[in-house]
């Protein structure tokens, strides 16, 4: 070691015991400024070395460089969903997707705050398919210091944790949200939707009735689920605004076993279409197979979705599966953004089956990561302020949080729901058709 480097090393060692590993940047012919607290560097006209104790030495030099931050650190984001209980089977794909999402985002460099790179680690807590379980999961994550989470997709469970999360200033992002109340200014401040079928509902119905212009009478047969009552109610209002007659308005329980009595009642009113509006894949199968078996040829109208349309082509008997539009993408399509194509390639390489839930989890986590990076802070107040106005990249394309002003019939008083291009799929004769509709704009 040169004499200058040795002399400087001895001086610092005497002043601050234990800092010897930091002295590699001191002395010699190089010109570097290193601040140990931030591990950041800057260019200047003189060499300055600052120890943790605050002592600074300066030597003559012509240029100062700042070394890059240290190795990537790990940052934890939480996830609450049903791993046990009655809803577990519906959310298995979310757990499967966790390592895929970590790998995709970390392979892109994770994210950077104040010069420090971070890789993402997801940790999951089981809500056991109950509101009490969701509350316990939120408390556990909060106790572990987790400040950003992917909230339960099951709306009652997200509502159950709202009080805890709002009081503790925990940022919640719902991967996909059909509801409005969760994000309204009266109910929450720290809750966002990474995908909002509420924002896309009007355009979905516009496209549907463009394809089926002769629909004048419509029978509403919807699931009795508190989580979708908002979007069901707004669909009813949309039908009436279009001058349609609602011939019957029925709701079926979540434990329904036989759709025939319900469909018999609906068909007795001679509708041109049946509106299921939104729900889960098993209900879509029950509805459309019953409709077709009873001779009804009109569309099953949907303003949101019934799950992964690719999976629906496999679940529903193809001889009955036709004239079934919905607001969900074909995640295996070449029309998807590059990050989704990368996710599919990774999924395929691991022998897994690409699913919508993989894409939605990626979208939720990516939304949080972009908010942190834009804010250059882990403080959720700063992150919320950034997310309210920033431009996002999303799994559906370019996005922006909306809701503070009228957009597509929605106004919740604050920007908390993502507006993106709208995925429109239609199953015809067992085959899936898919296209993107333009993103709605404020004032529409």
Protein backbone atom coordinates (compact mmCIF):
# COMPACT_ATOMS: atom_id res chain seq x y z
CA UNK A 1 0.00 0.00 0.00
CA UNK A 2 1.27 3.47 -0.78
CA UNK A 3 2.51 5.63 2.10
CA UNK A 4 -0.35 8.11 1.78
CA UNK A 5 -2.95 5.36 1.99
CA UNK A 6 -1.21 3.80 5.02
CA UNK A 7 -0.99 7.16 6.84
CA UNK A 8 -4.65 7.99 6.25
CA UNK A 9 -5.66 4.47 7.33
CA UNK A 10 -3.85 4.73 10.64
CA UNK A 11 -5.41 8.12 11.38
CA UNK A 12 -8.98 6.94 10.79
CA UNK A 13 -8.42 3.69 12.69
CA UNK A 14 -7.31 5.62 15.73
CA UNK A 15 -10.34 7.92 15.56
CA UNK A 16 -13.03 5.37 14.78
CA UNK A 17 -12.29 1.80 15.82
CA UNK A 18 -13.78 -0.84 13.57
CA UNK A 19 -14.04 1.23 10.37
CA UNK A 20 -11.03 -0.36 8.69
CA UNK A 21 -13.14 -2.01 5.96
CA UNK A 22 -14.23 1.44 4.78
CA UNK A 23 -10.67 2.71 4.18
CA UNK A 24 -10.22 1.18 0.78
CA UNK A 25 -11.66 4.37 -0.68
CA UNK A 26 -9.20 6.63 1.18
CA UNK A 27 -5.97 8.16 -0.19
CA UNK A 28 -3.89 7.19 -3.18
CA UNK A 29 -4.21 8.80 -6.57
CA UNK A 30 -8.00 8.26 -6.99
CA UNK A 31 -10.48 11.06 -6.20
CA UNK A 32 -13.58 9.68 -4.40
CA UNK A 33 -16.17 11.05 -1.99
CA UNK A 34 -17.79 8.34 0.16
CA UNK A 35 -20.46 8.97 2.78
CA UNK A 36 -20.75 5.80 4.83
CA UNK A 37 -24.35 6.36 5.96
CA UNK A 38 -25.76 6.35 2.40
CA UNK A 39 -23.03 4.51 0.49
CA UNK A 40 -23.47 7.10 -2.25
CA UNK A 41 -20.97 9.11 -4.26
CA UNK A 42 -20.69 12.50 -5.94
CA UNK A 43 -18.25 14.20 -8.31
CA UNK A 44 -16.38 17.23 -7.03
CA UNK A 45 -13.01 18.99 -7.29
CA UNK A 46 -11.43 17.51 -4.16
CA UNK A 47 -11.25 14.18 -2.37
CA UNK A 48 -13.33 14.06 0.80
CA UNK A 49 -13.79 11.10 3.12
CA UNK A 50 -16.47 11.26 5.81
CA UNK A 51 -16.48 8.76 8.68
CA UNK A 52 -19.53 7.70 10.68
CA UNK A 53 -18.32 9.96 13.45
CA UNK A 54 -18.50 12.95 11.14
CA UNK A 55 -14.78 13.72 10.70
CA UNK A 56 -13.84 14.92 7.23
CA UNK A 57 -10.42 15.05 5.60
CA UNK A 58 -9.68 16.71 2.27
CA UNK A 59 -6.70 16.24 0.00
CA UNK A 60 -5.77 17.97 -3.20
CA UNK A 61 -7.27 16.43 -6.33
CA UNK A 62 -8.73 17.35 -9.66
CA UNK A 63 -11.89 15.19 -9.63
CA UNK A 64 -14.15 13.45 -7.09
CA UNK A 65 -16.27 10.40 -7.91
CA UNK A 66 -18.94 8.79 -5.79
CA UNK A 67 -18.92 4.99 -5.60
CA UNK A 68 -22.17 3.23 -6.31
CA UNK A 69 -24.37 2.02 -3.47
CA UNK A 70 -23.63 -1.36 -1.97
CA UNK A 71 -25.04 -4.72 -3.02
CA UNK A 72 -28.78 -5.01 -3.52
CA UNK A 73 -30.76 -5.27 -0.32
CA UNK A 74 -34.02 -7.17 0.14
CA UNK A 75 -37.32 -5.36 0.64
CA UNK A 76 -40.39 -7.18 1.90
CA UNK A 77 -43.91 -6.66 0.58
CA UNK A 78 -46.79 -8.50 2.24
CA UNK A 79 -49.67 -10.47 0.76
CA UNK A 80 -52.93 -11.59 2.35
CA UNK A 81 -55.12 -14.20 0.68
CA UNK A 82 -56.95 -17.45 1.32
CA UNK A 83 -54.55 -20.40 1.59
CA UNK A 84 -57.01 -22.47 3.63
CA UNK A 85 -60.77 -22.59 4.08
CA UNK A 86 -63.57 -22.57 1.54
CA UNK A 87 -61.93 -20.07 -0.86
CA UNK A 88 -58.46 -21.61 -0.89
CA UNK A 89 -58.94 -23.49 -4.15
CA UNK A 90 -59.87 -20.26 -5.93
CA UNK A 91 -56.62 -18.58 -4.86
CA UNK A 92 -54.06 -21.39 -5.23
CA UNK A 93 -52.63 -19.68 -8.29
CA UNK A 94 -51.76 -16.59 -6.24
CA UNK A 95 -49.41 -18.59 -4.03
CA UNK A 96 -47.94 -20.32 -7.08
CA UNK A 97 -47.23 -16.94 -8.67
CA UNK A 98 -45.17 -15.49 -5.80
CA UNK A 99 -41.73 -16.79 -6.86
CA UNK A 100 -42.49 -15.97 -10.49
CA UNK A 101 -43.34 -12.37 -9.64
CA UNK A 102 -40.21 -12.00 -7.51
CA UNK A 103 -38.03 -13.37 -10.31
CA UNK A 104 -39.57 -11.22 -13.03
CA UNK A 105 -39.27 -7.95 -11.10
CA UNK A 106 -35.84 -8.69 -9.61
CA UNK A 107 -34.49 -9.71 -13.03
CA UNK A 108 -35.46 -6.20 -14.14
CA UNK A 109 -33.35 -4.70 -11.37
CA UNK A 110 -35.92 -4.57 -8.58
CA UNK A 111 -36.15 -0.92 -7.65
CA UNK A 112 -33.86 1.85 -6.44
CA UNK A 113 -34.31 4.39 -3.64
CA UNK A 114 -31.67 7.04 -3.03
CA UNK A 115 -29.10 5.10 -5.05
CA UNK A 116 -29.64 1.82 -3.22
CA UNK A 117 -30.94 -1.12 -5.22
CA UNK A 118 -33.55 -3.39 -3.65
CA UNK A 119 -34.75 -6.83 -4.59
CA UNK A 120 -38.33 -7.76 -3.74
CA UNK A 121 -39.36 -10.51 -1.34
CA UNK A 122 -43.02 -11.43 -0.92
CA UNK A 123 -44.34 -12.88 2.32
CA UNK A 124 -47.85 -14.24 2.58
CA UNK A 125 -50.28 -14.59 5.45
CA UNK A 126 -53.34 -16.84 5.27
CA UNK A 127 -56.71 -15.18 5.95
CA UNK A 128 -58.26 -18.68 6.24
CA UNK A 129 -61.17 -17.50 4.06
CA UNK A 130 -62.62 -15.50 6.97
CA UNK A 131 -62.73 -11.86 8.04
CA UNK A 132 -61.27 -12.77 11.44
CA UNK A 133 -58.42 -14.54 9.70
CA UNK A 134 -57.80 -11.48 7.52
CA UNK A 135 -57.62 -9.24 10.59
CA UNK A 136 -55.14 -11.61 12.26
CA UNK A 137 -53.03 -11.69 9.09
CA UNK A 138 -52.96 -7.88 8.85
CA UNK A 139 -51.92 -7.60 12.49
CA UNK A 140 -49.12 -10.12 11.98
CA UNK A 141 -47.74 -8.30 8.95
CA UNK A 142 -47.98 -4.97 10.75
CA UNK A 143 -46.16 -6.45 13.74
CA UNK A 144 -43.40 -7.63 11.42
CA UNK A 145 -42.96 -4.07 10.13
CA UNK A 146 -44.44 -4.68 6.68
CA UNK A 147 -45.88 -1.40 5.40
CA UNK A 148 -47.08 -2.26 1.89
CA UNK A 149 -49.35 -5.21 1.14
CA UNK A 150 -51.34 -6.84 -1.61
CA UNK A 151 -54.77 -6.80 0.01
CA UNK A 152 -57.25 -9.69 -0.05
CA UNK A 153 -59.08 -9.87 -3.35
CA UNK A 154 -62.18 -11.10 -1.52
CA UNK A 155 -63.85 -7.75 -0.80
CA UNK A 156 -65.29 -8.50 2.69
CA UNK A 157 -61.81 -9.51 3.88
CA UNK A 158 -60.26 -6.33 2.53
CA UNK A 159 -63.00 -4.33 4.25
CA UNK A 160 -62.28 -6.16 7.50
CA UNK A 161 -58.62 -5.06 7.55
CA UNK A 162 -59.29 -1.49 6.49
CA UNK A 163 -59.39 -0.03 9.99
CA UNK A 164 -56.10 -1.64 11.05
CA UNK A 165 -54.33 -0.67 7.85
CA UNK A 166 -55.61 2.90 7.79
CA UNK A 167 -54.66 3.50 11.43
CA UNK A 168 -51.20 2.02 10.87
CA UNK A 169 -50.75 3.80 7.53
CA UNK A 170 -50.29 0.52 5.66
CA UNK A 171 -50.52 0.88 1.90
CA UNK A 172 -52.99 -1.64 0.43
CA UNK A 173 -53.09 -2.45 -3.26
CA UNK A 174 -55.85 -4.72 -4.56
CA UNK A 175 -54.72 -6.62 -7.65
CA UNK A 176 -58.13 -6.24 -9.31
CA UNK A 177 -61.16 -4.39 -7.97
CA UNK A 178 -64.74 -4.22 -9.25
CA UNK A 179 -65.96 -2.22 -6.26
CA UNK A 180 -65.92 1.53 -5.59
CA UNK A 181 -66.51 1.81 -1.85
CA UNK A 182 -63.12 0.33 -0.90
CA UNK A 183 -61.30 3.23 -2.54
CA UNK A 184 -63.66 6.14 -1.89
CA UNK A 185 -62.44 9.15 0.04
CA UNK A 186 -65.00 8.55 2.79
CA UNK A 187 -63.68 5.07 3.50
CA UNK A 188 -59.93 4.91 2.95
CA UNK A 189 -56.82 6.85 2.07
CA UNK A 190 -54.16 4.14 1.69
CA UNK A 191 -56.05 1.69 -0.57
CA UNK A 192 -55.56 1.49 -4.37
CA UNK A 193 -56.69 -0.81 -7.19
CA UNK A 194 -53.94 -1.93 -9.61
CA UNK A 195 -56.68 -2.92 -12.08
CA UNK A 196 -60.22 -1.54 -11.86
CA UNK A 197 -63.04 -3.33 -13.65
CA UNK A 198 -65.28 -0.55 -12.29
CA UNK A 199 -63.51 1.96 -14.53
CA UNK A 200 -63.73 -0.38 -17.52
CA UNK A 201 -67.36 -1.46 -17.06
CA UNK A 202 -68.98 1.20 -19.24
CA UNK A 203 -66.69 0.60 -22.21
CA UNK A 204 -67.21 -3.16 -21.85
CA UNK A 205 -70.99 -2.74 -22.06
CA UNK A 206 -70.64 -0.28 -24.95
CA UNK A 207 -68.66 -2.89 -26.90
CA UNK A 208 -71.05 -5.68 -25.92
CA UNK A 209 -74.15 -3.85 -27.16
CA UNK A 210 -72.31 -2.80 -30.31
CA UNK A 211 -71.91 -6.53 -31.00
CA UNK A 212 -75.51 -7.26 -29.94
CA UNK A 213 -77.51 -4.21 -31.08
CA UNK A 214 -80.89 -5.98 -30.94
CA UNK A 215 -80.88 -6.44 -27.17
CA UNK A 216 -83.92 -4.55 -25.84
CA UNK A 217 -85.06 -6.81 -23.02
CA UNK A 218 -82.58 -8.14 -20.47
CA UNK A 219 -82.93 -10.53 -17.53
CA UNK A 220 -80.59 -9.83 -14.59
CA UNK A 221 -79.45 -13.02 -12.86
CA UNK A 222 -76.57 -12.08 -10.58
CA UNK A 223 -74.65 -13.61 -7.71
CA UNK A 224 -75.72 -12.50 -4.22
CA UNK A 225 -72.23 -11.39 -3.20
CA UNK A 226 -71.62 -8.18 -1.22
CA UNK A 227 -68.40 -7.70 -3.11
CA UNK A 228 -70.05 -7.21 -6.49
CA UNK A 229 -73.24 -5.38 -5.53
CA UNK A 230 -71.74 -2.06 -6.56
CA UNK A 231 -70.90 -3.17 -10.08
CA UNK A 232 -74.22 -5.06 -10.40
CA UNK A 233 -76.14 -1.94 -9.39
CA UNK A 234 -74.28 0.23 -11.86
CA UNK A 235 -74.93 -2.30 -14.63
CA UNK A 236 -78.66 -2.13 -13.92
CA UNK A 237 -78.50 1.67 -14.19
CA UNK A 238 -76.63 1.34 -17.48
CA UNK A 239 -79.29 -0.95 -18.95
CA UNK A 240 -82.04 1.50 -18.02
CA UNK A 241 -80.10 4.46 -19.46
CA UNK A 242 -79.94 2.57 -22.76
CA UNK A 243 -83.72 2.26 -22.70
CA UNK A 244 -83.70 -1.48 -22.06
CA UNK A 245 -86.38 -3.32 -20.14
CA UNK A 246 -85.18 -5.39 -17.19
CA UNK A 247 -87.58 -8.33 -17.39
CA UNK A 248 -86.49 -10.05 -14.19
CA UNK A 249 -84.01 -9.14 -11.45
CA UNK A 250 -82.86 -12.17 -9.47
CA UNK A 251 -79.89 -12.97 -7.28
CA UNK A 252 -78.63 -16.44 -6.53
CA UNK A 253 -76.85 -17.60 -3.34
CA UNK A 254 -73.18 -18.52 -3.30
CA UNK A 255 -74.05 -22.14 -2.42
CA UNK A 256 -76.37 -22.64 -5.42
CA UNK A 257 -76.34 -26.16 -6.82
CA UNK A 258 -79.00 -26.00 -9.55
CA UNK A 259 -79.37 -23.12 -12.00
CA UNK A 260 -82.32 -24.54 -13.91
CA UNK A 261 -85.13 -23.05 -11.75
CA UNK A 262 -83.47 -19.63 -11.97
CA UNK A 263 -82.97 -19.78 -15.72
CA UNK A 264 -86.50 -21.12 -16.21
CA UNK A 265 -87.87 -18.06 -14.43
CA UNK A 266 -85.67 -15.72 -16.49
CA UNK A 267 -86.56 -17.30 -19.84
CA UNK A 268 -90.28 -17.07 -19.07
CA UNK A 269 -89.93 -13.29 -19.53
CA UNK A 270 -88.55 -13.76 -23.09
CA UNK A 271 -85.36 -11.68 -22.72
CA UNK A 272 -82.96 -10.93 -25.56
CA UNK A 273 -79.98 -11.34 -23.20
CA UNK A 274 -79.22 -12.60 -19.71
CA UNK A 275 -76.96 -10.43 -17.57
CA UNK A 276 -74.82 -12.29 -15.05
CA UNK A 277 -72.62 -9.15 -14.76
CA UNK A 278 -69.74 -10.67 -12.73
CA UNK A 279 -68.78 -13.66 -10.64
CA UNK A 280 -66.57 -16.71 -10.24
CA UNK A 281 -65.86 -19.42 -12.85
CA UNK A 282 -68.14 -22.15 -11.41
CA UNK A 283 -71.13 -19.79 -11.59
CA UNK A 284 -70.32 -18.88 -15.18
CA UNK A 285 -70.30 -22.57 -16.05
CA UNK A 286 -73.62 -23.17 -14.29
CA UNK A 287 -75.30 -20.19 -15.92
CA UNK A 288 -74.20 -20.58 -19.49
CA UNK A 289 -74.57 -24.35 -19.69
CA UNK A 290 -78.09 -24.12 -18.22
CA UNK A 291 -79.03 -21.30 -20.62
CA UNK A 292 -77.86 -23.18 -23.68
CA UNK A 293 -79.33 -26.53 -22.62
CA UNK A 294 -82.69 -24.79 -22.27
CA UNK A 295 -82.43 -23.42 -25.80
CA UNK A 296 -81.46 -19.78 -25.14
CA UNK A 297 -79.14 -18.43 -27.84
CA UNK A 298 -78.63 -14.82 -26.65
CA UNK A 299 -75.50 -13.45 -24.97
CA UNK A 300 -74.52 -13.74 -21.32
CA UNK A 301 -73.84 -10.05 -20.64
CA UNK A 302 -70.97 -9.16 -18.33
CA UNK A 303 -69.60 -5.75 -17.33
CA UNK A 304 -66.66 -7.15 -15.33
CA UNK A 305 -65.42 -10.73 -15.46
CA UNK A 306 -65.88 -14.34 -14.44
CA UNK A 307 -62.23 -15.26 -14.00
CA UNK A 308 -59.56 -16.22 -16.49
CA UNK A 309 -61.20 -16.49 -19.94
CA UNK A 310 -58.58 -19.01 -21.08
CA UNK A 311 -59.55 -21.25 -18.17
CA UNK A 312 -63.24 -20.69 -18.92
CA UNK A 313 -62.75 -22.16 -22.40
CA UNK A 314 -61.54 -25.33 -20.67
CA UNK A 315 -64.05 -25.35 -17.82
CA UNK A 316 -67.26 -24.86 -19.84
CA UNK A 317 -68.52 -27.44 -22.32
CA UNK A 318 -67.56 -25.93 -25.72
CA UNK A 319 -70.88 -26.88 -27.33
CA UNK A 320 -72.57 -24.41 -24.93
CA UNK A 321 -69.77 -21.87 -24.56
CA UNK A 322 -70.61 -19.10 -26.99
CA UNK A 323 -71.69 -15.43 -27.08
CA UNK A 324 -69.94 -14.83 -23.76
CA UNK A 325 -68.24 -11.39 -23.59
CA UNK A 326 -66.28 -10.17 -20.55
CA UNK A 327 -63.77 -7.61 -19.27
CA UNK A 328 -60.75 -9.89 -18.86
CA UNK A 329 -57.65 -10.47 -21.02
CA UNK A 330 -56.23 -13.51 -22.71
CA UNK A 331 -52.94 -13.50 -20.77
CA UNK A 332 -51.40 -15.94 -23.26
CA UNK A 333 -51.93 -13.52 -26.17
CA UNK A 334 -49.16 -11.71 -28.06
CA UNK A 335 -51.25 -8.56 -27.50
CA UNK A 336 -50.22 -8.50 -23.82
CA UNK A 337 -47.44 -6.12 -22.67
CA UNK A 338 -43.88 -7.45 -22.73
CA UNK A 339 -43.69 -8.00 -18.98
CA UNK A 340 -46.66 -10.37 -19.18
CA UNK A 341 -45.04 -12.20 -22.09
CA UNK A 342 -41.92 -12.55 -19.93
CA UNK A 343 -44.05 -13.92 -17.09
CA UNK A 344 -45.60 -16.47 -19.44
CA UNK A 345 -42.18 -17.52 -20.73
CA UNK A 346 -40.94 -18.02 -17.18
CA UNK A 347 -44.09 -19.91 -16.26
CA UNK A 348 -43.72 -22.16 -19.30
CA UNK A 349 -40.04 -22.77 -18.53
CA UNK A 350 -40.97 -23.98 -15.06
CA UNK A 351 -43.66 -26.29 -16.40
CA UNK A 352 -46.48 -24.16 -15.00
CA UNK A 353 -49.70 -23.06 -16.70
CA UNK A 354 -49.90 -19.31 -17.26
CA UNK A 355 -52.99 -17.87 -15.57
CA UNK A 356 -54.70 -14.54 -15.06
CA UNK A 357 -53.98 -14.66 -11.32
CA UNK A 358 -50.23 -14.75 -12.05
CA UNK A 359 -50.61 -11.58 -14.09
CA UNK A 360 -52.77 -9.82 -11.50
CA UNK A 361 -50.33 -10.50 -8.65
CA UNK A 362 -47.49 -9.18 -10.80
CA UNK A 363 -49.56 -6.08 -11.51
CA UNK A 364 -50.29 -5.42 -7.86
CA UNK A 365 -46.69 -5.76 -6.71
CA UNK A 366 -45.41 -3.76 -9.69
CA UNK A 367 -47.78 -0.93 -8.79
CA UNK A 368 -46.34 -0.76 -5.25
CA UNK A 369 -42.76 -0.92 -6.51
CA UNK A 370 -43.29 1.91 -9.00
CA UNK A 371 -44.91 4.03 -6.29
CA UNK A 372 -41.96 3.55 -3.95
CA UNK A 373 -39.45 4.32 -6.67
CA UNK A 374 -41.31 7.42 -7.85
CA UNK A 375 -41.53 8.74 -4.28
CA UNK A 376 -37.92 7.77 -3.56
CA UNK A 377 -39.20 6.94 -0.12
CA UNK A 378 -40.64 4.10 1.95
CA UNK A 379 -42.97 6.49 3.74
CA UNK A 380 -46.50 5.69 2.67
CA UNK A 381 -47.69 9.28 2.76
CA UNK A 382 -44.99 10.13 0.22
CA UNK A 383 -45.85 7.04 -1.82
CA UNK A 384 -49.57 7.88 -1.88
CA UNK A 385 -48.80 11.44 -3.01
CA UNK A 386 -46.67 10.07 -5.86
CA UNK A 387 -49.19 7.43 -6.91
CA UNK A 388 -52.04 9.92 -7.13
CA UNK A 389 -50.46 11.73 -10.08
CA UNK A 390 -47.73 9.56 -11.61
CA UNK A 391 -47.79 7.59 -14.85
CA UNK A 392 -47.58 3.81 -14.43
CA UNK A 393 -46.59 0.88 -16.53
CA UNK A 394 -49.14 -1.85 -15.86
CA UNK A 395 -49.84 -5.43 -16.92
CA UNK A 396 -52.54 -3.92 -19.16
CA UNK A 397 -50.35 -1.16 -20.63
CA UNK A 398 -49.94 2.53 -19.70
CA UNK A 399 -51.95 3.49 -16.62
CA UNK A 400 -52.87 6.33 -14.31
CA UNK A 401 -54.80 6.48 -11.05
CA UNK A 402 -58.22 8.10 -11.48
CA UNK A 403 -61.40 8.74 -9.51
CA UNK A 404 -61.01 12.30 -8.27
CA UNK A 405 -63.12 13.55 -11.19
CA UNK A 406 -65.78 11.92 -13.33
CA UNK A 407 -64.49 9.14 -15.54
CA UNK A 408 -66.60 6.46 -17.21
CA UNK A 409 -69.40 7.03 -14.71
CA UNK A 410 -67.08 6.81 -11.71
CA UNK A 411 -66.20 9.47 -9.14
CA UNK A 412 -64.87 8.48 -5.69
CA UNK A 413 -63.33 11.79 -4.67
CA UNK A 414 -59.68 10.72 -4.99
CA UNK A 415 -57.35 9.04 -7.48
CA UNK A 416 -57.23 5.43 -6.28
CA UNK A 417 -58.27 3.24 -9.24
CA UNK A 418 -56.06 2.50 -12.22
CA UNK A 419 -57.30 3.50 -15.66
CA UNK A 420 -55.70 1.42 -18.41
CA UNK A 421 -56.57 0.09 -21.84
CA UNK A 422 -59.54 -2.21 -21.28
CA UNK A 423 -59.25 -5.92 -22.07
CA UNK A 424 -62.27 -7.24 -23.95
CA UNK A 425 -62.63 -10.96 -24.53
CA UNK A 426 -65.47 -12.92 -26.07
CA UNK A 427 -65.87 -16.68 -26.21
CA UNK A 428 -67.53 -17.78 -29.45
CA UNK A 429 -68.16 -21.48 -30.14
CA UNK A 430 -65.61 -22.43 -27.51
CA UNK A 431 -62.89 -20.20 -28.98
CA UNK A 432 -61.50 -17.07 -27.33
CA UNK A 433 -61.40 -13.71 -29.11
CA UNK A 434 -59.44 -10.86 -27.50
CA UNK A 435 -58.79 -7.17 -28.16
CA UNK A 436 -57.90 -3.98 -26.30
CA UNK A 437 -60.39 -1.12 -25.97
CA UNK A 438 -59.08 2.44 -25.45
CA UNK A 439 -58.53 3.60 -21.89
CA UNK A 440 -61.29 5.89 -20.61
CA UNK A 441 -60.40 9.52 -20.01
CA UNK A 442 -61.56 11.97 -17.30
CA UNK A 443 -64.83 13.61 -18.20
CA UNK A 444 -66.02 10.61 -20.20
